[in-house]
Amino acid sequence: MPIFDQSLIVGQLFAANSKPPAGPLELLITYFPMVLIVVAAWFLLYRPERERMQKQRELLNNVKKNDRVITASGIIGTVSSVDR
């Protein structure tokens, strides 16, 4: 018996044992883990980053002349002028 014919027979057997279409509760159970992962990622990754950026923006807006600052590369200096 050719392989093609065998695969057709196996496909028909699985199709005969298939379930009816999923109901709303089954869909909820299926997609709940994905939604949970997205919400967890938002709380663990996006939200802290947004808060860090907001804090950095606030610090930059509060810089004024003669403030002592340290750059990202570690250079210590004094602000001589601020352009906004």
PDB file of N, CA and C in Angstrom:
ATOM      1  N   MET A   1       0.853  -1.170   0.000  1.00  0.00           N
ATOM      2  CA  MET A   1       0.000   0.000   0.000  1.00  0.00           C
ATOM      3  C   MET A   1       0.905   1.241   0.000  1.00  0.00           C
ATOM      4  N   PRO A   2       0.712   2.159  -0.931  1.00  0.00           N
ATOM      5  CA  PRO A   2       1.553   3.362  -0.998  1.00  0.00           C
ATOM      6  C   PRO A   2       1.386   4.237   0.254  1.00  0.00           C
ATOM      7  N   ILE A   3       2.429   5.007   0.542  1.00  0.00           N
ATOM      8  CA  ILE A   3       2.434   5.872   1.724  1.00  0.00           C
ATOM      9  C   ILE A   3       1.302   6.893   1.657  1.00  0.00           C
ATOM     10  N   PHE A   4       1.024   7.397   0.470  1.00  0.00           N
ATOM     11  CA  PHE A   4      -0.047   8.387   0.314  1.00  0.00           C
ATOM     12  C   PHE A   4      -1.388   7.816   0.767  1.00  0.00           C
ATOM     13  N   ASP A   5      -1.673   6.581   0.385  1.00  0.00           N
ATOM     14  CA  ASP A   5      -2.930   5.945   0.779  1.00  0.00           C
ATOM     15  C   ASP A   5      -2.983   5.725   2.294  1.00  0.00           C
ATOM     16  N   GLN A   6      -1.848   5.359   2.888  1.00  0.00           N
ATOM     17  CA  GLN A   6      -1.804   5.151   4.332  1.00  0.00           C
ATOM     18  C   GLN A   6      -2.068   6.458   5.078  1.00  0.00           C
ATOM     19  N   SER A   7      -1.487   7.544   4.587  1.00  0.00           N
ATOM     20  CA  SER A   7      -1.697   8.823   5.266  1.00  0.00           C
ATOM     21  C   SER A   7      -3.148   9.272   5.146  1.00  0.00           C
ATOM     22  N   LEU A   8      -3.814   8.949   4.031  1.00  0.00           N
ATOM     23  CA  LEU A   8      -5.230   9.284   3.891  1.00  0.00           C
ATOM     24  C   LEU A   8      -6.074   8.506   4.890  1.00  0.00           C
ATOM     25  N   ILE A   9      -5.755   7.238   5.065  1.00  0.00           N
ATOM     26  CA  ILE A   9      -6.506   6.404   6.007  1.00  0.00           C
ATOM     27  C   ILE A   9      -6.303   6.908   7.435  1.00  0.00           C
ATOM     28  N   VAL A  10      -5.065   7.208   7.799  1.00  0.00           N
ATOM     29  CA  VAL A  10      -4.776   7.713   9.143  1.00  0.00           C
ATOM     30  C   VAL A  10      -5.479   9.053   9.353  1.00  0.00           C
ATOM     31  N   GLY A  11      -5.470   9.906   8.347  1.00  0.00           N
ATOM     32  CA  GLY A  11      -6.153  11.195   8.449  1.00  0.00           C
ATOM     33  C   GLY A  11      -7.645  11.034   8.653  1.00  0.00           C
ATOM     34  N   GLN A  12      -8.243  10.078   7.979  1.00  0.00           N
ATOM     35  CA  GLN A  12      -9.674   9.839   8.142  1.00  0.00           C
ATOM     36  C   GLN A  12      -9.986   9.295   9.532  1.00  0.00           C
ATOM     37  N   LEU A  13      -9.110   8.470  10.073  1.00  0.00           N
ATOM     38  CA  LEU A  13      -9.324   7.942  11.420  1.00  0.00           C
ATOM     39  C   LEU A  13      -9.285   9.060  12.466  1.00  0.00           C
ATOM     40  N   PHE A  14      -8.310   9.957  12.331  1.00  0.00           N
ATOM     41  CA  PHE A  14      -8.221  11.069  13.274  1.00  0.00           C
ATOM     42  C   PHE A  14      -9.383  12.033  13.103  1.00  0.00           C
ATOM     43  N   ALA A  15      -9.835  12.234  11.875  1.00  0.00           N
ATOM     44  CA  ALA A  15     -10.971  13.124  11.639  1.00  0.00           C
ATOM     45  C   ALA A  15     -12.244  12.544  12.237  1.00  0.00           C
ATOM     46  N   ALA A  16     -12.379  11.244  12.236  1.00  0.00           N
ATOM     47  CA  ALA A  16     -13.576  10.614  12.798  1.00  0.00           C
ATOM     48  C   ALA A  16     -13.604  10.751  14.314  1.00  0.00           C
ATOM     49  N   ASN A  17     -12.439  10.845  14.949  1.00  0.00           N
ATOM     50  CA  ASN A  17     -12.369  10.950  16.405  1.00  0.00           C
ATOM     51  C   ASN A  17     -12.225  12.390  16.884  1.00  0.00           C
ATOM     52  N   SER A  18     -12.387  13.354  15.994  1.00  0.00           N
ATOM     53  CA  SER A  18     -12.177  14.745  16.391  1.00  0.00           C
ATOM     54  C   SER A  18     -13.321  15.229  17.272  1.00  0.00           C
ATOM     55  N   LYS A  19     -13.016  16.230  18.093  1.00  0.00           N
ATOM     56  CA  LYS A  19     -13.989  16.795  19.024  1.00  0.00           C
ATOM     57  C   LYS A  19     -14.871  17.809  18.299  1.00  0.00           C
ATOM     58  N   PRO A  20     -16.021  18.116  18.871  1.00  0.00           N
ATOM     59  CA  PRO A  20     -16.831  19.195  18.321  1.00  0.00           C
ATOM     60  C   PRO A  20     -16.133  20.533  18.569  1.00  0.00           C
ATOM     61  N   PRO A  21     -16.562  21.591  17.925  1.00  0.00           N
ATOM     62  CA  PRO A  21     -15.917  22.897  18.124  1.00  0.00           C
ATOM     63  C   PRO A  21     -15.898  23.295  19.599  1.00  0.00           C
ATOM     64  N   ALA A  22     -14.826  23.974  19.981  1.00  0.00           N
ATOM     65  CA  ALA A  22     -14.632  24.353  21.379  1.00  0.00           C
ATOM     66  C   ALA A  22     -15.637  25.414  21.805  1.00  0.00           C
ATOM     67  N   GLY A  23     -16.084  25.313  23.043  1.00  0.00           N
ATOM     68  CA  GLY A  23     -17.003  26.294  23.605  1.00  0.00           C
ATOM     69  C   GLY A  23     -16.239  27.473  24.185  1.00  0.00           C
ATOM     70  N   PRO A  24     -16.956  28.469  24.691  1.00  0.00           N
ATOM     71  CA  PRO A  24     -16.297  29.662  25.221  1.00  0.00           C
ATOM     72  C   PRO A  24     -15.387  29.365  26.414  1.00  0.00           C
ATOM     73  N   LEU A  25     -15.772  28.430  27.261  1.00  0.00           N
ATOM     74  CA  LEU A  25     -14.943  28.113  28.422  1.00  0.00           C
ATOM     75  C   LEU A  25     -13.626  27.467  27.993  1.00  0.00           C
ATOM     76  N   GLU A  26     -13.675  26.601  27.014  1.00  0.00           N
ATOM     77  CA  GLU A  26     -12.450  25.963  26.522  1.00  0.00           C
ATOM     78  C   GLU A  26     -11.532  26.988  25.863  1.00  0.00           C
ATOM     79  N   LEU A  27     -12.106  27.950  25.148  1.00  0.00           N
ATOM     80  CA  LEU A  27     -11.287  29.007  24.547  1.00  0.00           C
ATOM     81  C   LEU A  27     -10.634  29.860  25.629  1.00  0.00           C
ATOM     82  N   LEU A  28     -11.381  30.150  26.687  1.00  0.00           N
ATOM     83  CA  LEU A  28     -10.828  30.926  27.794  1.00  0.00           C
ATOM     84  C   LEU A  28      -9.672  30.177  28.448  1.00  0.00           C
ATOM     85  N   ILE A  29      -9.842  28.896  28.671  1.00  0.00           N
ATOM     86  CA  ILE A  29      -8.784  28.089  29.280  1.00  0.00           C
ATOM     87  C   ILE A  29      -7.564  28.022  28.361  1.00  0.00           C
ATOM     88  N   THR A  30      -7.796  28.000  27.066  1.00  0.00           N
ATOM     89  CA  THR A  30      -6.696  27.926  26.110  1.00  0.00           C
ATOM     90  C   THR A  30      -5.886  29.215  26.082  1.00  0.00           C
ATOM     91  N   TYR A  31      -6.557  30.363  26.073  1.00  0.00           N
ATOM     92  CA  TYR A  31      -5.864  31.637  25.913  1.00  0.00           C
ATOM     93  C   TYR A  31      -5.477  32.296  27.228  1.00  0.00           C
ATOM     94  N   PHE A  32      -5.976  31.814  28.356  1.00  0.00           N
ATOM     95  CA  PHE A  32      -5.656  32.416  29.648  1.00  0.00           C
ATOM     96  C   PHE A  32      -4.155  32.416  29.950  1.00  0.00           C
ATOM     97  N   PRO A  33      -3.419  31.336  29.725  1.00  0.00           N
ATOM     98  CA  PRO A  33      -1.973  31.382  29.995  1.00  0.00           C
ATOM     99  C   PRO A  33      -1.240  32.429  29.152  1.00  0.00           C
ATOM    100  N   MET A  34      -1.638  32.594  27.898  1.00  0.00           N
ATOM    101  CA  MET A  34      -0.984  33.601  27.060  1.00  0.00           C
ATOM    102  C   MET A  34      -1.263  35.008  27.579  1.00  0.00           C
ATOM    103  N   VAL A  35      -2.501  35.261  27.967  1.00  0.00           N
ATOM    104  CA  VAL A  35      -2.858  36.571  28.517  1.00  0.00           C
ATOM    105  C   VAL A  35      -2.106  36.803  29.821  1.00  0.00           C
ATOM    106  N   LEU A  36      -2.001  35.786  30.641  1.00  0.00           N
ATOM    107  CA  LEU A  36      -1.277  35.891  31.904  1.00  0.00           C
ATOM    108  C   LEU A  36       0.201  36.217  31.671  1.00  0.00           C
ATOM    109  N   ILE A  37       0.811  35.610  30.675  1.00  0.00           N
ATOM    110  CA  ILE A  37       2.216  35.882  30.357  1.00  0.00           C
ATOM    111  C   ILE A  37       2.397  37.320  29.896  1.00  0.00           C
ATOM    112  N   VAL A  38       1.493  37.816  29.069  1.00  0.00           N
ATOM    113  CA  VAL A  38       1.588  39.201  28.587  1.00  0.00           C
ATOM    114  C   VAL A  38       1.444  40.180  29.751  1.00  0.00           C
ATOM    115  N   VAL A  39       0.501  39.937  30.637  1.00  0.00           N
ATOM    116  CA  VAL A  39       0.307  40.821  31.795  1.00  0.00           C
ATOM    117  C   VAL A  39       1.530  40.774  32.709  1.00  0.00           C
ATOM    118  N   ALA A  40       2.066  39.602  32.947  1.00  0.00           N
ATOM    119  CA  ALA A  40       3.259  39.472  33.792  1.00  0.00           C
ATOM    120  C   ALA A  40       4.450  40.181  33.157  1.00  0.00           C
ATOM    121  N   ALA A  41       4.607  40.052  31.852  1.00  0.00           N
ATOM    122  CA  ALA A  41       5.702  40.738  31.162  1.00  0.00           C
ATOM    123  C   ALA A  41       5.545  42.242  31.283  1.00  0.00           C
ATOM    124  N   TRP A  42       4.319  42.728  31.202  1.00  0.00           N
ATOM    125  CA  TRP A  42       4.092  44.170  31.315  1.00  0.00           C
ATOM    126  C   TRP A  42       4.509  44.650  32.699  1.00  0.00           C
ATOM    127  N   PHE A  43       4.121  43.909  33.742  1.00  0.00           N
ATOM    128  CA  PHE A  43       4.468  44.320  35.101  1.00  0.00           C
ATOM    129  C   PHE A  43       5.955  44.156  35.395  1.00  0.00           C
ATOM    130  N   LEU A  44       6.588  43.135  34.823  1.00  0.00           N
ATOM    131  CA  LEU A  44       7.988  42.863  35.143  1.00  0.00           C
ATOM    132  C   LEU A  44       8.976  43.602  34.252  1.00  0.00           C
ATOM    133  N   LEU A  45       8.587  43.937  33.021  1.00  0.00           N
ATOM    134  CA  LEU A  45       9.529  44.542  32.087  1.00  0.00           C
ATOM    135  C   LEU A  45       9.176  45.979  31.716  1.00  0.00           C
ATOM    136  N   TYR A  46       7.994  46.189  31.200  1.00  0.00           N
ATOM    137  CA  TYR A  46       7.641  47.492  30.641  1.00  0.00           C
ATOM    138  C   TYR A  46       7.427  48.545  31.720  1.00  0.00           C
ATOM    139  N   ARG A  47       6.693  48.208  32.754  1.00  0.00           N
ATOM    140  CA  ARG A  47       6.345  49.189  33.786  1.00  0.00           C
ATOM    141  C   ARG A  47       7.581  49.715  34.527  1.00  0.00           C
ATOM    142  N   PRO A  48       8.507  48.875  34.998  1.00  0.00           N
ATOM    143  CA  PRO A  48       9.706  49.406  35.661  1.00  0.00           C
ATOM    144  C   PRO A  48      10.561  50.267  34.727  1.00  0.00           C
ATOM    145  N   GLU A  49      10.642  49.872  33.465  1.00  0.00           N
ATOM    146  CA  GLU A  49      11.423  50.665  32.510  1.00  0.00           C
ATOM    147  C   GLU A  49      10.796  52.038  32.321  1.00  0.00           C
ATOM    148  N   ARG A  50       9.479  52.094  32.244  1.00  0.00           N
ATOM    149  CA  ARG A  50       8.788  53.371  32.078  1.00  0.00           C
ATOM    150  C   ARG A  50       9.001  54.253  33.304  1.00  0.00           C
ATOM    151  N   GLU A  51       8.966  53.663  34.497  1.00  0.00           N
ATOM    152  CA  GLU A  51       9.213  54.431  35.719  1.00  0.00           C
ATOM    153  C   GLU A  51      10.649  54.940  35.765  1.00  0.00           C
ATOM    154  N   ARG A  52      11.604  54.123  35.324  1.00  0.00           N
ATOM    155  CA  ARG A  52      13.007  54.552  35.294  1.00  0.00           C
ATOM    156  C   ARG A  52      13.197  55.714  34.333  1.00  0.00           C
ATOM    157  N   MET A  53      12.563  55.634  33.165  1.00  0.00           N
ATOM    158  CA  MET A  53      12.667  56.715  32.184  1.00  0.00           C
ATOM    159  C   MET A  53      12.027  57.995  32.712  1.00  0.00           C
ATOM    160  N   GLN A  54      10.915  57.871  33.413  1.00  0.00           N
ATOM    161  CA  GLN A  54      10.247  59.040  33.977  1.00  0.00           C
ATOM    162  C   GLN A  54      11.134  59.696  35.039  1.00  0.00           C
ATOM    163  N   LYS A  55      11.784  58.887  35.875  1.00  0.00           N
ATOM    164  CA  LYS A  55      12.677  59.419  36.901  1.00  0.00           C
ATOM    165  C   LYS A  55      13.879  60.116  36.259  1.00  0.00           C
ATOM    166  N   GLN A  56      14.439  59.514  35.206  1.00  0.00           N
ATOM    167  CA  GLN A  56      15.571  60.122  34.513  1.00  0.00           C
ATOM    168  C   GLN A  56      15.165  61.441  33.866  1.00  0.00           C
ATOM    169  N   ARG A  57      13.989  61.490  33.252  1.00  0.00           N
ATOM    170  CA  ARG A  57      13.498  62.720  32.628  1.00  0.00           C
ATOM    171  C   ARG A  57      13.314  63.812  33.682  1.00  0.00           C
ATOM    172  N   GLU A  58      12.801  63.424  34.852  1.00  0.00           N
ATOM    173  CA  GLU A  58      12.604  64.381  35.940  1.00  0.00           C
ATOM    174  C   GLU A  58      13.947  64.930  36.423  1.00  0.00           C
ATOM    175  N   LEU A  59      14.944  64.055  36.555  1.00  0.00           N
ATOM    176  CA  LEU A  59      16.276  64.509  36.967  1.00  0.00           C
ATOM    177  C   LEU A  59      16.874  65.476  35.949  1.00  0.00           C
ATOM    178  N   LEU A  60      16.731  65.178  34.665  1.00  0.00           N
ATOM    179  CA  LEU A  60      17.274  66.061  33.631  1.00  0.00           C
ATOM    180  C   LEU A  60      16.561  67.407  33.612  1.00  0.00           C
ATOM    181  N   ASN A  61      15.271  67.414  33.876  1.00  0.00           N
ATOM    182  CA  ASN A  61      14.529  68.678  33.898  1.00  0.00           C
ATOM    183  C   ASN A  61      14.877  69.528  35.109  1.00  0.00           C
ATOM    184  N   ASN A  62      15.380  68.918  36.183  1.00  0.00           N
ATOM    185  CA  ASN A  62      15.723  69.659  37.397  1.00  0.00           C
ATOM    186  C   ASN A  62      17.180  70.111  37.435  1.00  0.00           C
ATOM    187  N   VAL A  63      17.968  69.802  36.421  1.00  0.00           N
ATOM    188  CA  VAL A  63      19.369  70.229  36.390  1.00  0.00           C
ATOM    189  C   VAL A  63      19.414  71.733  36.133  1.00  0.00           C
ATOM    190  N   LYS A  64      20.238  72.432  36.928  1.00  0.00           N
ATOM    191  CA  LYS A  64      20.395  73.877  36.745  1.00  0.00           C
ATOM    192  C   LYS A  64      21.877  74.231  36.793  1.00  0.00           C
ATOM    193  N   LYS A  65      22.185  75.468  36.501  1.00  0.00           N
ATOM    194  CA  LYS A  65      23.567  75.929  36.445  1.00  0.00           C
ATOM    195  C   LYS A  65      24.245  75.720  37.806  1.00  0.00           C
ATOM    196  N   ASN A  66      25.522  75.335  37.758  1.00  0.00           N
ATOM    197  CA  ASN A  66      26.394  75.089  38.912  1.00  0.00           C
ATOM    198  C   ASN A  66      26.050  73.806  39.677  1.00  0.00           C
ATOM    199  N   ASP A  67      25.213  72.931  39.128  1.00  0.00           N
ATOM    200  CA  ASP A  67      24.970  71.618  39.737  1.00  0.00           C
ATOM    201  C   ASP A  67      26.153  70.707  39.437  1.00  0.00           C
ATOM    202  N   ARG A  68      26.535  69.889  40.413  1.00  0.00           N
ATOM    203  CA  ARG A  68      27.591  68.910  40.180  1.00  0.00           C
ATOM    204  C   ARG A  68      26.935  67.637  39.664  1.00  0.00           C
ATOM    205  N   VAL A  69      27.491  67.103  38.580  1.00  0.00           N
ATOM    206  CA  VAL A  69      26.908  65.922  37.942  1.00  0.00           C
ATOM    207  C   VAL A  69      27.996  64.899  37.656  1.00  0.00           C
ATOM    208  N   ILE A  70      27.575  63.661  37.474  1.00  0.00           N
ATOM    209  CA  ILE A  70      28.458  62.583  37.036  1.00  0.00           C
ATOM    210  C   ILE A  70      27.857  62.028  35.751  1.00  0.00           C
ATOM    211  N   THR A  71      28.642  61.981  34.685  1.00  0.00           N
ATOM    212  CA  THR A  71      28.149  61.475  33.407  1.00  0.00           C
ATOM    213  C   THR A  71      28.064  59.956  33.438  1.00  0.00           C
ATOM    214  N   ALA A  72      27.471  59.399  32.407  1.00  0.00           N
ATOM    215  CA  ALA A  72      27.332  57.945  32.317  1.00  0.00           C
ATOM    216  C   ALA A  72      28.692  57.258  32.260  1.00  0.00           C
ATOM    217  N   SER A  73      29.699  57.950  31.743  1.00  0.00           N
ATOM    218  CA  SER A  73      31.036  57.354  31.652  1.00  0.00           C
ATOM    219  C   SER A  73      31.861  57.593  32.910  1.00  0.00           C
ATOM    220  N   GLY A  74      31.291  58.298  33.920  1.00  0.00           N
ATOM    221  CA  GLY A  74      31.975  58.472  35.188  1.00  0.00           C
ATOM    222  C   GLY A  74      32.708  59.787  35.343  1.00  0.00           C
ATOM    223  N   ILE A  75      32.594  60.688  34.393  1.00  0.00           N
ATOM    224  CA  ILE A  75      33.266  61.983  34.483  1.00  0.00           C
ATOM    225  C   ILE A  75      32.455  62.889  35.406  1.00  0.00           C
ATOM    226  N   ILE A  76      33.148  63.504  36.369  1.00  0.00           N
ATOM    227  CA  ILE A  76      32.504  64.416  37.308  1.00  0.00           C
ATOM    228  C   ILE A  76      32.693  65.830  36.782  1.00  0.00           C
ATOM    229  N   GLY A  77      31.601  66.609  36.802  1.00  0.00           N
ATOM    230  CA  GLY A  77      31.692  67.969  36.299  1.00  0.00           C
ATOM    231  C   GLY A  77      30.651  68.871  36.922  1.00  0.00           C
ATOM    232  N   THR A  78      30.721  70.143  36.512  1.00  0.00           N
ATOM    233  CA  THR A  78      29.774  71.152  36.970  1.00  0.00           C
ATOM    234  C   THR A  78      29.043  71.695  35.755  1.00  0.00           C
ATOM    235  N   VAL A  79      27.734  71.845  35.861  1.00  0.00           N
ATOM    236  CA  VAL A  79      26.924  72.344  34.747  1.00  0.00           C
ATOM    237  C   VAL A  79      27.214  73.825  34.584  1.00  0.00           C
ATOM    238  N   SER A  80      27.619  74.238  33.371  1.00  0.00           N
ATOM    239  CA  SER A  80      27.911  75.649  33.118  1.00  0.00           C
ATOM    240  C   SER A  80      26.717  76.377  32.523  1.00  0.00           C
ATOM    241  N   SER A  81      25.885  75.679  31.758  1.00  0.00           N
ATOM    242  CA  SER A  81      24.670  76.301  31.219  1.00  0.00           C
ATOM    243  C   SER A  81      23.671  75.203  30.875  1.00  0.00           C
ATOM    244  N   VAL A  82      22.406  75.590  30.830  1.00  0.00           N
ATOM    245  CA  VAL A  82      21.338  74.644  30.519  1.00  0.00           C
ATOM    246  C   VAL A  82      20.480  75.250  29.421  1.00  0.00           C
ATOM    247  N   ASP A  83      20.324  74.520  28.315  1.00  0.00           N
ATOM    248  CA  ASP A  83      19.441  74.938  27.227  1.00  0.00           C
ATOM    249  C   ASP A  83      18.226  74.033  27.241  1.00  0.00           C
ATOM    250  N   ARG A  84      17.072  74.624  27.299  1.00  0.00           N
ATOM    251  CA  ARG A  84      15.843  73.819  27.320  1.00  0.00           C
ATOM    252  C   ARG A  84      15.048  74.072  26.079  1.00  0.00           C
TER     253      ARG A  84
END
